[in-house]
């Protein structure tokens, strides 16, 4: 029995939509515009400890579409998952939380964003595939550079928030 207790565990407990909002602040007037809109998409990943061995990982997308300086629509969606992760070496937990878990949650987020935008009466915006490993490694590198700047007394980090956080 003790041997089973030390085996690595990675299980998806649940995937769920945590938050979604749609705003069309300049409707209906802006809907009469014939110009091509500008689309801006931002993504964020967050991981928090729920309890021992249980983590919530969320991926957030913000899609802002403008015509000129007026917002056509703004969609913010946060898709999350609860994961059980046990018996992994300490150095492997953060990469699982920053790479594997967001990779599982993200396809659900993509579907939600496209669906909300379509239901709002617009052509869907399909979020591109994301290489979460590259995103995680870039975040780790930025954090290391910021830590180096802080330890040198510079104090001028990049101001970005970490992708992975613990609560």
N, C-alpha and C. Protein backbone atom coordinates (compact mmCIF):
# COMPACT_ATOMS: atom_id res chain seq x y z
N UNK A 1 0.82 -1.20 0.00
CA UNK A 1 0.00 0.00 0.00
C UNK A 1 0.86 1.26 0.00
N UNK A 2 1.94 1.26 0.75
CA UNK A 2 2.81 2.43 0.81
C UNK A 2 3.42 2.71 -0.56
N UNK A 3 3.66 1.66 -1.35
CA UNK A 3 4.22 1.85 -2.69
C UNK A 3 3.23 2.60 -3.58
N UNK A 4 1.94 2.28 -3.48
CA UNK A 4 0.93 2.97 -4.26
C UNK A 4 0.84 4.44 -3.87
N UNK A 5 0.99 4.75 -2.61
CA UNK A 5 0.88 6.12 -2.13
C UNK A 5 1.99 7.01 -2.64
N UNK A 6 3.12 6.43 -3.07
CA UNK A 6 4.23 7.24 -3.56
C UNK A 6 4.25 7.36 -5.08
N UNK A 7 3.30 6.74 -5.77
CA UNK A 7 3.24 6.86 -7.22
C UNK A 7 2.77 8.26 -7.60
N UNK A 8 3.34 8.82 -8.67
CA UNK A 8 2.88 10.14 -9.12
C UNK A 8 1.40 10.10 -9.51
N UNK A 9 0.70 11.18 -9.19
CA UNK A 9 -0.72 11.30 -9.51
C UNK A 9 -0.95 12.60 -10.27
N UNK A 10 -1.65 12.51 -11.40
CA UNK A 10 -2.10 13.67 -12.15
C UNK A 10 -3.49 13.36 -12.66
N UNK A 11 -4.49 14.03 -12.08
CA UNK A 11 -5.87 13.78 -12.47
C UNK A 11 -6.61 15.10 -12.63
N UNK A 12 -7.46 15.14 -13.65
CA UNK A 12 -8.35 16.29 -13.83
C UNK A 12 -9.57 16.02 -12.97
N UNK A 13 -9.84 16.91 -12.04
CA UNK A 13 -11.03 16.78 -11.20
C UNK A 13 -12.24 17.41 -11.88
N UNK A 14 -12.02 18.59 -12.50
CA UNK A 14 -13.13 19.31 -13.13
C UNK A 14 -12.58 20.42 -14.00
N UNK A 15 -13.26 20.69 -15.12
CA UNK A 15 -12.97 21.85 -15.95
C UNK A 15 -14.27 22.66 -16.01
N UNK A 16 -14.17 23.97 -15.78
CA UNK A 16 -15.38 24.78 -15.69
C UNK A 16 -15.12 26.21 -16.14
N UNK A 17 -16.20 26.87 -16.55
CA UNK A 17 -16.15 28.28 -16.91
C UNK A 17 -16.30 29.08 -15.63
N UNK A 18 -15.27 29.83 -15.30
CA UNK A 18 -15.26 30.57 -14.03
C UNK A 18 -15.86 31.97 -14.18
N UNK A 19 -15.64 32.60 -15.33
CA UNK A 19 -16.14 33.96 -15.52
C UNK A 19 -16.20 34.26 -17.01
N UNK A 20 -17.24 34.99 -17.42
CA UNK A 20 -17.32 35.46 -18.81
C UNK A 20 -18.12 36.75 -18.82
N UNK A 21 -17.67 37.71 -19.63
CA UNK A 21 -18.43 38.95 -19.80
C UNK A 21 -18.29 39.44 -21.23
N UNK A 22 -19.33 40.10 -21.68
CA UNK A 22 -19.37 40.69 -23.01
C UNK A 22 -19.87 42.12 -22.85
N UNK A 23 -19.17 43.05 -23.47
CA UNK A 23 -19.60 44.44 -23.46
C UNK A 23 -19.63 44.96 -24.89
N UNK A 24 -20.69 45.71 -25.20
CA UNK A 24 -20.80 46.42 -26.47
C UNK A 24 -21.15 47.87 -26.15
N UNK A 25 -20.20 48.63 -25.64
CA UNK A 25 -20.50 49.95 -25.10
C UNK A 25 -20.97 50.98 -26.13
N UNK A 26 -20.67 50.79 -27.38
CA UNK A 26 -21.02 51.79 -28.40
C UNK A 26 -22.11 51.31 -29.35
N UNK A 27 -22.83 50.26 -28.96
CA UNK A 27 -23.93 49.77 -29.79
C UNK A 27 -25.16 50.61 -29.51
N UNK A 28 -26.00 50.81 -30.44
CA UNK A 28 -26.04 50.25 -31.79
C UNK A 28 -25.32 51.08 -32.85
N UNK A 29 -24.93 52.33 -32.52
CA UNK A 29 -24.37 53.22 -33.54
C UNK A 29 -23.15 52.61 -34.23
N UNK A 30 -22.25 52.00 -33.48
CA UNK A 30 -21.02 51.49 -34.08
C UNK A 30 -21.28 50.30 -35.00
N UNK A 31 -22.42 49.64 -34.83
CA UNK A 31 -22.76 48.51 -35.69
C UNK A 31 -23.03 48.94 -37.13
N UNK A 32 -23.26 50.21 -37.34
CA UNK A 32 -23.50 50.74 -38.69
C UNK A 32 -22.20 51.06 -39.42
N UNK A 33 -21.08 51.05 -38.69
CA UNK A 33 -19.76 51.32 -39.30
C UNK A 33 -19.39 50.17 -40.25
N UNK A 34 -18.76 50.53 -41.36
CA UNK A 34 -18.35 49.54 -42.35
C UNK A 34 -16.84 49.28 -42.32
N UNK A 35 -16.13 49.92 -41.42
CA UNK A 35 -14.67 49.77 -41.34
C UNK A 35 -14.28 48.41 -40.79
N UNK A 36 -13.07 48.00 -41.15
CA UNK A 36 -12.51 46.75 -40.63
C UNK A 36 -12.07 46.97 -39.19
N UNK A 37 -12.55 46.15 -38.24
CA UNK A 37 -12.16 46.35 -36.84
C UNK A 37 -10.74 45.87 -36.56
N UNK A 38 -10.15 46.45 -35.52
CA UNK A 38 -8.84 46.02 -35.03
C UNK A 38 -9.10 45.11 -33.84
N UNK A 39 -8.48 43.93 -33.82
CA UNK A 39 -8.69 42.95 -32.76
C UNK A 39 -7.42 42.82 -31.94
N UNK A 40 -7.56 42.93 -30.62
CA UNK A 40 -6.43 42.77 -29.70
C UNK A 40 -6.79 41.64 -28.73
N UNK A 41 -5.89 40.69 -28.60
CA UNK A 41 -6.13 39.52 -27.74
C UNK A 41 -5.00 39.42 -26.73
N UNK A 42 -5.37 39.24 -25.46
CA UNK A 42 -4.35 38.98 -24.44
C UNK A 42 -4.75 37.74 -23.64
N UNK A 43 -3.73 37.01 -23.21
CA UNK A 43 -3.93 35.77 -22.45
C UNK A 43 -3.17 35.84 -21.15
N UNK A 44 -3.69 35.17 -20.15
CA UNK A 44 -3.00 35.04 -18.88
C UNK A 44 -3.26 33.67 -18.29
N UNK A 45 -2.31 33.18 -17.53
CA UNK A 45 -2.42 31.88 -16.86
C UNK A 45 -2.16 32.10 -15.39
N UNK A 46 -2.95 31.45 -14.56
CA UNK A 46 -2.77 31.56 -13.12
C UNK A 46 -2.98 30.18 -12.50
N UNK A 47 -2.18 29.85 -11.50
CA UNK A 47 -2.34 28.59 -10.76
C UNK A 47 -2.32 28.90 -9.28
N UNK A 48 -3.25 28.31 -8.56
CA UNK A 48 -3.34 28.50 -7.13
C UNK A 48 -3.51 27.16 -6.44
N UNK A 49 -2.96 27.04 -5.26
CA UNK A 49 -3.15 25.85 -4.45
C UNK A 49 -4.50 25.95 -3.75
N UNK A 50 -5.34 24.92 -3.93
CA UNK A 50 -6.64 24.88 -3.26
C UNK A 50 -6.47 24.23 -1.90
N UNK A 51 -5.84 23.09 -1.90
CA UNK A 51 -5.51 22.36 -0.69
C UNK A 51 -4.33 21.46 -1.04
N UNK A 52 -3.84 20.70 -0.11
CA UNK A 52 -2.68 19.85 -0.35
C UNK A 52 -2.90 18.94 -1.56
N UNK A 53 -2.11 19.13 -2.62
CA UNK A 53 -2.18 18.28 -3.80
C UNK A 53 -3.30 18.63 -4.77
N UNK A 54 -4.10 19.65 -4.47
CA UNK A 54 -5.19 20.07 -5.35
C UNK A 54 -4.93 21.51 -5.78
N UNK A 55 -4.98 21.74 -7.10
CA UNK A 55 -4.66 23.05 -7.66
C UNK A 55 -5.75 23.50 -8.61
N UNK A 56 -5.99 24.82 -8.63
CA UNK A 56 -6.86 25.40 -9.64
C UNK A 56 -5.96 26.14 -10.63
N UNK A 57 -6.12 25.82 -11.90
CA UNK A 57 -5.38 26.49 -12.95
C UNK A 57 -6.40 27.17 -13.85
N UNK A 58 -6.21 28.47 -14.09
CA UNK A 58 -7.14 29.20 -14.94
C UNK A 58 -6.39 29.87 -16.08
N UNK A 59 -7.07 29.95 -17.22
CA UNK A 59 -6.56 30.66 -18.38
C UNK A 59 -7.59 31.74 -18.70
N UNK A 60 -7.11 32.97 -18.82
CA UNK A 60 -7.98 34.11 -19.07
C UNK A 60 -7.66 34.70 -20.44
N UNK A 61 -8.70 35.00 -21.20
CA UNK A 61 -8.54 35.67 -22.49
C UNK A 61 -9.35 36.96 -22.47
N UNK A 62 -8.75 38.02 -22.99
CA UNK A 62 -9.45 39.28 -23.18
C UNK A 62 -9.36 39.62 -24.67
N UNK A 63 -10.51 39.75 -25.31
CA UNK A 63 -10.57 40.09 -26.73
C UNK A 63 -11.22 41.46 -26.83
N UNK A 64 -10.45 42.43 -27.33
CA UNK A 64 -10.96 43.79 -27.50
C UNK A 64 -10.97 44.08 -28.99
N UNK A 65 -12.13 44.47 -29.49
CA UNK A 65 -12.27 44.79 -30.90
C UNK A 65 -12.72 46.24 -31.03
N UNK A 66 -11.97 47.02 -31.80
CA UNK A 66 -12.25 48.45 -31.94
C UNK A 66 -12.35 48.84 -33.41
N UNK A 67 -13.15 49.86 -33.64
CA UNK A 67 -13.17 50.55 -34.93
C UNK A 67 -12.73 51.97 -34.61
N UNK A 68 -11.55 52.32 -35.07
CA UNK A 68 -10.97 53.61 -34.69
C UNK A 68 -10.66 53.57 -33.20
N UNK A 69 -11.17 54.56 -32.48
CA UNK A 69 -10.92 54.58 -31.04
C UNK A 69 -12.14 54.13 -30.23
N UNK A 70 -13.17 53.62 -30.92
CA UNK A 70 -14.39 53.17 -30.25
C UNK A 70 -14.43 51.64 -30.18
N UNK A 71 -14.81 51.14 -29.00
CA UNK A 71 -14.88 49.70 -28.80
C UNK A 71 -16.13 49.14 -29.46
N UNK A 72 -15.93 48.15 -30.32
CA UNK A 72 -17.04 47.42 -30.94
C UNK A 72 -17.58 46.42 -29.93
N UNK A 73 -16.66 45.57 -29.41
CA UNK A 73 -17.02 44.66 -28.32
C UNK A 73 -15.78 44.27 -27.54
N UNK A 74 -16.03 43.87 -26.30
CA UNK A 74 -14.98 43.41 -25.39
C UNK A 74 -15.48 42.13 -24.74
N UNK A 75 -14.70 41.07 -24.86
CA UNK A 75 -15.04 39.80 -24.23
C UNK A 75 -13.91 39.43 -23.28
N UNK A 76 -14.27 39.11 -22.06
CA UNK A 76 -13.31 38.57 -21.09
C UNK A 76 -13.85 37.24 -20.62
N UNK A 77 -13.02 36.21 -20.69
CA UNK A 77 -13.45 34.88 -20.27
C UNK A 77 -12.33 34.21 -19.48
N UNK A 78 -12.73 33.50 -18.42
CA UNK A 78 -11.77 32.76 -17.61
C UNK A 78 -12.27 31.32 -17.48
N UNK A 79 -11.49 30.41 -18.04
CA UNK A 79 -11.78 28.99 -17.96
C UNK A 79 -10.82 28.39 -16.95
N UNK A 80 -11.31 27.52 -16.10
CA UNK A 80 -10.46 26.97 -15.04
C UNK A 80 -10.60 25.45 -14.96
N UNK A 81 -9.65 24.86 -14.28
CA UNK A 81 -9.69 23.44 -14.03
C UNK A 81 -9.13 23.16 -12.65
N UNK A 82 -9.64 22.11 -12.05
CA UNK A 82 -9.11 21.64 -10.76
C UNK A 82 -8.35 20.36 -11.05
N UNK A 83 -7.11 20.32 -10.60
CA UNK A 83 -6.21 19.21 -10.88
C UNK A 83 -5.66 18.65 -9.58
N UNK A 84 -5.59 17.33 -9.52
CA UNK A 84 -4.92 16.67 -8.40
C UNK A 84 -3.53 16.30 -8.89
N UNK A 85 -2.53 16.81 -8.18
CA UNK A 85 -1.13 16.55 -8.55
C UNK A 85 -0.41 16.19 -7.26
N UNK A 86 0.05 14.95 -7.20
CA UNK A 86 0.72 14.47 -5.99
C UNK A 86 1.96 13.66 -6.35
N UNK A 87 2.88 13.64 -5.40
CA UNK A 87 4.06 12.78 -5.46
C UNK A 87 4.97 13.07 -6.66
N UNK A 88 5.01 14.33 -7.05
CA UNK A 88 5.97 14.75 -8.07
C UNK A 88 7.12 15.45 -7.37
N UNK A 89 8.32 15.35 -7.90
CA UNK A 89 9.42 16.13 -7.33
C UNK A 89 9.07 17.62 -7.37
N UNK A 90 9.50 18.35 -6.38
CA UNK A 90 9.14 19.77 -6.24
C UNK A 90 9.41 20.56 -7.51
N UNK A 91 10.47 20.29 -8.20
CA UNK A 91 10.82 21.03 -9.41
C UNK A 91 9.94 20.72 -10.60
N UNK A 92 9.11 19.69 -10.51
CA UNK A 92 8.25 19.33 -11.64
C UNK A 92 6.83 19.84 -11.50
N UNK A 93 6.44 20.27 -10.33
CA UNK A 93 5.06 20.70 -10.12
C UNK A 93 4.77 22.00 -10.89
N UNK A 94 5.64 23.00 -10.77
CA UNK A 94 5.39 24.27 -11.47
C UNK A 94 5.30 24.10 -12.98
N UNK A 95 6.19 23.34 -13.64
CA UNK A 95 6.01 23.15 -15.08
C UNK A 95 4.70 22.45 -15.43
N UNK A 96 4.26 21.51 -14.62
CA UNK A 96 2.96 20.86 -14.89
C UNK A 96 1.85 21.90 -14.78
N UNK A 97 1.90 22.74 -13.75
CA UNK A 97 0.89 23.78 -13.56
C UNK A 97 0.95 24.85 -14.65
N UNK A 98 2.12 25.13 -15.17
CA UNK A 98 2.29 26.20 -16.16
C UNK A 98 2.22 25.76 -17.60
N UNK A 99 2.34 24.43 -17.85
CA UNK A 99 2.36 23.94 -19.23
C UNK A 99 1.23 22.95 -19.49
N UNK A 100 1.21 21.85 -18.75
CA UNK A 100 0.24 20.78 -19.01
C UNK A 100 -1.19 21.20 -18.69
N UNK A 101 -1.40 21.76 -17.53
CA UNK A 101 -2.77 22.13 -17.11
C UNK A 101 -3.39 23.20 -18.01
N UNK A 102 -2.68 24.30 -18.32
CA UNK A 102 -3.27 25.27 -19.24
C UNK A 102 -3.57 24.67 -20.62
N UNK A 103 -2.73 23.73 -21.05
CA UNK A 103 -2.96 23.07 -22.33
C UNK A 103 -4.25 22.27 -22.34
N UNK A 104 -4.67 21.78 -21.19
CA UNK A 104 -5.93 21.05 -21.08
C UNK A 104 -7.11 22.02 -21.03
N UNK A 105 -6.97 23.12 -20.33
CA UNK A 105 -8.06 24.08 -20.11
C UNK A 105 -8.30 24.95 -21.35
N UNK A 106 -7.25 25.31 -22.07
CA UNK A 106 -7.32 26.29 -23.15
C UNK A 106 -8.32 25.96 -24.27
N UNK A 107 -8.42 24.72 -24.75
CA UNK A 107 -9.41 24.45 -25.81
C UNK A 107 -10.85 24.79 -25.39
N UNK A 108 -11.17 24.61 -24.14
CA UNK A 108 -12.50 24.98 -23.65
C UNK A 108 -12.68 26.50 -23.72
N UNK A 109 -11.63 27.23 -23.35
CA UNK A 109 -11.67 28.69 -23.39
C UNK A 109 -11.85 29.18 -24.83
N UNK A 110 -11.14 28.58 -25.75
CA UNK A 110 -11.26 28.96 -27.16
C UNK A 110 -12.70 28.82 -27.64
N UNK A 111 -13.35 27.71 -27.28
CA UNK A 111 -14.73 27.47 -27.69
C UNK A 111 -15.68 28.49 -27.07
N UNK A 112 -15.48 28.81 -25.79
CA UNK A 112 -16.34 29.78 -25.10
C UNK A 112 -16.22 31.15 -25.77
N UNK A 113 -15.02 31.60 -26.03
CA UNK A 113 -14.81 32.92 -26.63
C UNK A 113 -15.48 32.99 -28.01
N UNK A 114 -15.26 32.00 -28.85
CA UNK A 114 -15.87 32.00 -30.18
C UNK A 114 -17.40 31.97 -30.07
N UNK A 115 -17.93 31.19 -29.14
CA UNK A 115 -19.38 31.08 -28.97
C UNK A 115 -20.00 32.39 -28.48
N UNK A 116 -19.40 33.02 -27.49
CA UNK A 116 -19.93 34.28 -26.95
C UNK A 116 -19.94 35.36 -28.04
N UNK A 117 -18.87 35.44 -28.81
CA UNK A 117 -18.79 36.46 -29.86
C UNK A 117 -19.83 36.18 -30.95
N UNK A 118 -20.02 34.93 -31.31
CA UNK A 118 -21.02 34.56 -32.31
C UNK A 118 -22.42 34.88 -31.80
N UNK A 119 -22.70 34.56 -30.55
CA UNK A 119 -24.03 34.84 -29.97
C UNK A 119 -24.29 36.34 -29.85
N UNK A 120 -23.22 37.14 -29.83
CA UNK A 120 -23.37 38.59 -29.79
C UNK A 120 -23.67 39.16 -31.17
N UNK A 121 -23.63 38.31 -32.20
CA UNK A 121 -23.97 38.76 -33.54
C UNK A 121 -22.78 39.11 -34.42
N UNK A 122 -21.59 38.70 -34.01
CA UNK A 122 -20.39 38.99 -34.77
C UNK A 122 -19.79 37.70 -35.31
N UNK A 123 -18.95 37.81 -36.35
CA UNK A 123 -18.22 36.61 -36.78
C UNK A 123 -17.32 36.15 -35.62
N UNK A 124 -17.16 34.85 -35.44
CA UNK A 124 -16.36 34.38 -34.29
C UNK A 124 -14.90 34.79 -34.42
N UNK A 125 -14.29 35.02 -33.26
CA UNK A 125 -12.85 35.23 -33.18
C UNK A 125 -12.28 33.92 -32.65
N UNK A 126 -11.45 33.29 -33.47
CA UNK A 126 -10.86 32.02 -33.05
C UNK A 126 -9.47 32.29 -32.49
N UNK A 127 -9.31 32.02 -31.22
CA UNK A 127 -8.00 32.20 -30.58
C UNK A 127 -7.01 31.22 -31.18
N UNK A 128 -5.81 31.68 -31.42
CA UNK A 128 -4.76 30.84 -32.00
C UNK A 128 -4.29 29.79 -31.00
N UNK A 129 -3.70 28.75 -31.52
CA UNK A 129 -3.07 27.75 -30.64
C UNK A 129 -1.96 28.44 -29.86
N UNK A 130 -1.72 27.98 -28.65
CA UNK A 130 -0.70 28.58 -27.80
C UNK A 130 0.30 27.51 -27.39
N UNK A 131 1.58 27.86 -27.47
CA UNK A 131 2.63 26.98 -26.98
C UNK A 131 2.88 27.36 -25.52
N UNK A 132 2.22 26.64 -24.62
CA UNK A 132 2.32 26.99 -23.21
C UNK A 132 3.72 26.72 -22.66
N UNK A 133 4.47 25.81 -23.28
CA UNK A 133 5.84 25.59 -22.82
C UNK A 133 6.69 26.83 -23.10
N UNK A 134 6.58 27.39 -24.30
CA UNK A 134 7.33 28.60 -24.63
C UNK A 134 6.89 29.76 -23.75
N UNK A 135 5.58 29.86 -23.51
CA UNK A 135 5.06 30.93 -22.66
C UNK A 135 5.59 30.80 -21.23
N UNK A 136 5.61 29.57 -20.72
CA UNK A 136 6.11 29.31 -19.36
C UNK A 136 7.60 29.63 -19.27
N UNK A 137 8.36 29.18 -20.27
CA UNK A 137 9.80 29.43 -20.25
C UNK A 137 10.11 30.92 -20.35
N UNK A 138 9.35 31.66 -21.15
CA UNK A 138 9.55 33.11 -21.25
C UNK A 138 9.24 33.78 -19.92
N UNK A 139 8.18 33.33 -19.26
CA UNK A 139 7.81 33.89 -17.95
C UNK A 139 8.89 33.58 -16.93
N UNK A 140 9.44 32.37 -16.95
CA UNK A 140 10.51 32.00 -16.02
C UNK A 140 11.76 32.85 -16.27
N UNK A 141 12.07 33.06 -17.55
CA UNK A 141 13.24 33.87 -17.90
C UNK A 141 13.04 35.32 -17.46
N UNK A 142 11.84 35.86 -17.68
CA UNK A 142 11.56 37.24 -17.26
C UNK A 142 11.64 37.37 -15.75
N UNK A 143 11.14 36.37 -15.03
CA UNK A 143 11.20 36.40 -13.57
C UNK A 143 12.65 36.34 -13.09
N UNK A 144 13.47 35.52 -13.75
CA UNK A 144 14.88 35.42 -13.37
C UNK A 144 15.60 36.74 -13.64
N UNK A 145 15.29 37.38 -14.77
CA UNK A 145 15.91 38.67 -15.09
C UNK A 145 15.48 39.74 -14.10
N UNK A 146 14.20 39.72 -13.74
CA UNK A 146 13.69 40.69 -12.77
C UNK A 146 14.34 40.46 -11.41
N UNK A 147 14.48 39.20 -11.03
CA UNK A 147 15.14 38.87 -9.76
C UNK A 147 16.59 39.34 -9.78
N UNK A 148 17.25 39.16 -10.92
CA UNK A 148 18.63 39.63 -11.06
C UNK A 148 18.72 41.14 -10.94
N UNK A 149 17.77 41.85 -11.56
CA UNK A 149 17.76 43.31 -11.48
C UNK A 149 17.50 43.77 -10.05
N UNK A 150 16.61 43.09 -9.35
CA UNK A 150 16.31 43.46 -7.98
C UNK A 150 17.49 43.17 -7.05
N UNK A 151 18.18 42.05 -7.30
CA UNK A 151 19.31 41.72 -6.43
C UNK A 151 20.52 42.62 -6.70
N UNK A 152 20.55 43.24 -7.89
CA UNK A 152 21.62 44.19 -8.21
C UNK A 152 21.31 45.59 -7.69
N UNK A 153 20.14 45.74 -7.05
CA UNK A 153 19.77 47.03 -6.52
C UNK A 153 19.14 47.94 -7.54
N UNK A 154 18.95 47.45 -8.76
CA UNK A 154 18.37 48.25 -9.83
C UNK A 154 16.91 48.56 -9.52
N UNK A 155 16.16 47.55 -9.15
CA UNK A 155 14.77 47.73 -8.77
C UNK A 155 13.84 48.00 -9.92
N UNK A 156 14.33 47.98 -11.15
CA UNK A 156 13.45 48.25 -12.28
C UNK A 156 13.16 46.95 -13.01
N UNK A 157 12.23 46.20 -12.47
CA UNK A 157 11.81 44.97 -13.12
C UNK A 157 10.90 45.29 -14.27
N UNK A 158 10.39 44.25 -14.93
CA UNK A 158 9.51 44.48 -16.06
C UNK A 158 8.09 44.81 -15.65
N UNK A 159 7.78 44.73 -14.35
CA UNK A 159 6.46 45.09 -13.88
C UNK A 159 5.40 44.07 -14.18
N UNK A 160 5.73 43.00 -14.88
CA UNK A 160 4.75 41.98 -15.20
C UNK A 160 4.45 41.12 -14.01
N UNK A 161 3.25 40.55 -14.01
CA UNK A 161 2.88 39.67 -12.91
C UNK A 161 3.25 38.25 -13.28
N UNK A 162 3.57 37.43 -12.31
CA UNK A 162 3.93 36.06 -12.61
C UNK A 162 2.74 35.28 -13.12
N UNK A 163 3.02 34.33 -13.99
CA UNK A 163 1.96 33.49 -14.51
C UNK A 163 1.51 32.52 -13.42
N UNK A 164 2.44 31.98 -12.69
CA UNK A 164 2.14 30.98 -11.68
C UNK A 164 2.19 31.63 -10.30
N UNK A 165 1.10 31.51 -9.57
CA UNK A 165 1.08 32.04 -8.21
C UNK A 165 0.51 30.98 -7.29
N UNK A 166 0.81 31.08 -6.04
CA UNK A 166 0.25 30.17 -5.06
C UNK A 166 -0.51 30.98 -4.02
N UNK A 167 -1.61 30.43 -3.59
CA UNK A 167 -2.41 31.14 -2.58
C UNK A 167 -2.35 30.40 -1.27
